[in-house]
C-alpha atoms as a PDB file:
ATOM      1  CA  MET A   1      -4.908  12.844  -3.469  1.00  0.00           C
ATOM      2  CA  LYS A   2      -1.780  11.027  -4.918  1.00  0.00           C
ATOM      3  CA  LYS A   3      -1.551   7.142  -5.133  1.00  0.00           C
ATOM      4  CA  SER A   4       0.512   5.579  -2.469  1.00  0.00           C
ATOM      5  CA  ARG A   5       2.597   2.615  -2.258  1.00  0.00           C
ATOM      6  CA  PHE A   6       0.932   1.740   1.150  1.00  0.00           C
ATOM      7  CA  THR A   7      -2.500   0.708   1.873  1.00  0.00           C
ATOM      8  CA  GLU A   8      -4.527   2.744   4.174  1.00  0.00           C
ATOM      9  CA  GLU A   9      -4.315   0.015   6.939  1.00  0.00           C
ATOM     10  CA  GLN A  10      -0.409   0.219   6.584  1.00  0.00           C
ATOM     11  CA  MET A  11      -0.320   3.962   6.811  1.00  0.00           C
ATOM     12  CA  VAL A  12      -2.428   3.649   9.955  1.00  0.00           C
ATOM     13  CA  ALA A  13       0.023   1.050  11.375  1.00  0.00           C
ATOM     14  CA  ILE A  14       2.824   3.203  10.569  1.00  0.00           C
ATOM     15  CA  LEU A  15       1.187   6.075  12.240  1.00  0.00           C
ATOM     16  CA  ARG A  16       0.591   4.122  15.561  1.00  0.00           C
ATOM     17  CA  GLU A  17       4.246   3.165  15.289  1.00  0.00           C
ATOM     18  CA  ALA A  18       4.896   7.113  15.204  1.00  0.00           C
ATOM     19  CA  ASP A  19       2.911   7.550  18.306  1.00  0.00           C
ATOM     20  CA  LYS A  20       5.529   5.585  20.255  1.00  0.00           C
ATOM     21  CA  ALA A  21       8.719   6.381  18.500  1.00  0.00           C
ATOM     22  CA  PRO A  22      10.237   9.615  16.898  1.00  0.00           C
ATOM     23  CA  VAL A  23       8.426  10.454  13.722  1.00  0.00           C
ATOM     24  CA  PRO A  24      11.873  11.064  11.894  1.00  0.00           C
ATOM     25  CA  GLU A  25      12.923   7.587  12.945  1.00  0.00           C
ATOM     26  CA  VAL A  26       9.731   5.784  11.906  1.00  0.00           C
ATOM     27  CA  ALA A  27      10.046   7.625   8.625  1.00  0.00           C
ATOM     28  CA  ARG A  28      13.509   6.697   7.821  1.00  0.00           C
ATOM     29  CA  LYS A  29      12.395   3.084   8.828  1.00  0.00           C
ATOM     30  CA  HIS A  30       9.686   2.693   6.171  1.00  0.00           C
ATOM     31  CA  LYS A  31      11.417   5.026   3.929  1.00  0.00           C
ATOM     32  CA  VAL A  32       8.848   7.773   3.640  1.00  0.00           C
ATOM     33  CA  SER A  33       9.275  11.389   4.509  1.00  0.00           C
ATOM     34  CA  ALA A  34       8.183  12.787   7.868  1.00  0.00           C
ATOM     35  CA  GLN A  35       5.728  15.080   6.072  1.00  0.00           C
ATOM     36  CA  ALA A  36       3.898  12.084   4.991  1.00  0.00           C
ATOM     37  CA  ILE A  37       3.403  10.817   8.189  1.00  0.00           C
ATOM     38  CA  TYR A  38       2.146  14.356   9.415  1.00  0.00           C
ATOM     39  CA  THR A  39      -0.063  14.200   6.373  1.00  0.00           C
ATOM     40  CA  TRP A  40      -1.385  10.725   7.163  1.00  0.00           C
ATOM     41  CA  ARG A  41      -2.094  11.719  10.636  1.00  0.00           C
ATOM     42  CA  ARG A  42      -4.239  14.549   9.524  1.00  0.00           C
ATOM     43  CA  ARG A  43      -6.284  12.258   7.453  1.00  0.00           C
ATOM     44  CA  PHE A  44      -6.588   9.165   9.647  1.00  0.00           C
ATOM     45  CA  GLY A  45      -6.097  10.772  13.282  1.00  0.00           C
ATOM     46  CA  GLU A  46      -6.756   8.109  15.938  1.00  0.00           C
ATOM     47  CA  LEU A  47      -7.916   5.212  13.635  1.00  0.00           C
ATOM     48  CA  GLN A  48      -6.902   1.878  13.955  1.00  0.00           C
ATOM     49  CA  PRO A  49      -6.221  -0.337  10.999  1.00  0.00           C
ATOM     50  CA  ALA A  50      -9.300  -2.366  11.701  1.00  0.00           C
ATOM     51  CA  ASP A  51     -11.260   0.953  11.524  1.00  0.00           C
ATOM     52  CA  VAL A  52      -9.853   1.849   8.253  1.00  0.00           C
ATOM     53  CA  ARG A  53     -11.437  -1.531   6.775  1.00  0.00           C
ATOM     54  CA  ARG A  54     -14.499  -1.003   8.469  1.00  0.00           C
ATOM     55  CA  LEU A  55     -14.801   2.674   7.370  1.00  0.00           C
ATOM     56  CA  ARG A  56     -13.842   1.493   3.514  1.00  0.00           C
ATOM     57  CA  GLN A  57     -16.791  -1.363   3.839  1.00  0.00           C
ATOM     58  CA  LEU A  58     -19.155   1.181   5.031  1.00  0.00           C
ATOM     59  CA  GLU A  59     -18.384   3.616   2.317  1.00  0.00           C
ATOM     60  CA  ILE A  60     -18.937   0.849  -0.382  1.00  0.00           C
ATOM     61  CA  GLU A  61     -22.287  -0.028   1.194  1.00  0.00           C
ATOM     62  CA  ASN A  62     -23.155   3.753   1.515  1.00  0.00           C
ATOM     63  CA  THR A  63     -22.207   3.797  -2.541  1.00  0.00           C
ATOM     64  CA  LYS A  64     -24.776   0.817  -3.099  1.00  0.00           C
ATOM     65  CA  LEU A  65     -27.727   2.195  -1.301  1.00  0.00           C
ATOM     66  CA  LYS A  66     -27.358   5.447  -2.848  1.00  0.00           C
ATOM     67  CA  LYS A  67     -27.514   3.787  -6.083  1.00  0.00           C
ATOM     68  CA  LEU A  68     -30.643   1.675  -4.971  1.00  0.00           C
ATOM     69  CA  VAL A  69     -32.519   4.822  -3.985  1.00  0.00           C
ATOM     70  CA  ALA A  70     -31.716   6.440  -7.053  1.00  0.00           C
ATOM     71  CA  GLU A  71     -33.016   3.384  -9.021  1.00  0.00           C
ATOM     72  CA  ARG A  72     -36.237   3.642  -6.940  1.00  0.00           C
ATOM     73  CA  ASP A  73     -36.795   7.215  -7.582  1.00  0.00           C
ATOM     74  CA  LEU A  74     -36.428   6.700 -11.305  1.00  0.00           C
ATOM     75  CA  GLU A  75     -38.968   4.030 -11.120  1.00  0.00           C
ATOM     76  CA  ILE A  76     -41.344   6.088  -9.308  1.00  0.00           C
ATOM     77  CA  ASP A  77     -40.839   9.112 -11.856  1.00  0.00           C
ATOM     78  CA  THR A  78     -41.542   6.534 -14.649  1.00  0.00           C
ATOM     79  CA  MET A  79     -44.605   5.237 -12.960  1.00  0.00           C
ATOM     80  CA  LYS A  80     -45.943   8.743 -12.303  1.00  0.00           C
ATOM     81  CA  GLU A  81     -45.268   9.464 -15.841  1.00  0.00           C
ATOM     82  CA  ILE A  82     -47.180   6.424 -17.113  1.00  0.00           C
ATOM     83  CA  ASN A  83     -50.085   7.144 -14.685  1.00  0.00           C
ATOM     84  CA  ARG A  84     -50.253  10.960 -16.219  1.00  0.00           C
ATOM     85  CA  ARG A  85     -50.463   9.495 -19.909  1.00  0.00           C
ATOM     86  CA  LYS A  86     -53.612   6.949 -18.854  1.00  0.00           C
ATOM     87  CA  TRP A  87     -55.847   9.834 -17.849  1.00  0.00           C
END
């Protein structure tokens, strides 16, 4: 996806504003296209700004956990290989 000048939280805040006012009006106010707002709506749906922050935190935590599991699996494979060589 193309880099935006808005953070994800800002995008969601603009979406919530567009829920209460006409999309073209909100788009003009924030100097974005109405199509951008529709694209954000498809991406973020009914999320609130705090939800986006929490989602990002969960994604970071998930990445760290995946790395830990991969490292553990590598250690297990190494130990199995060492054990095979001993016998």
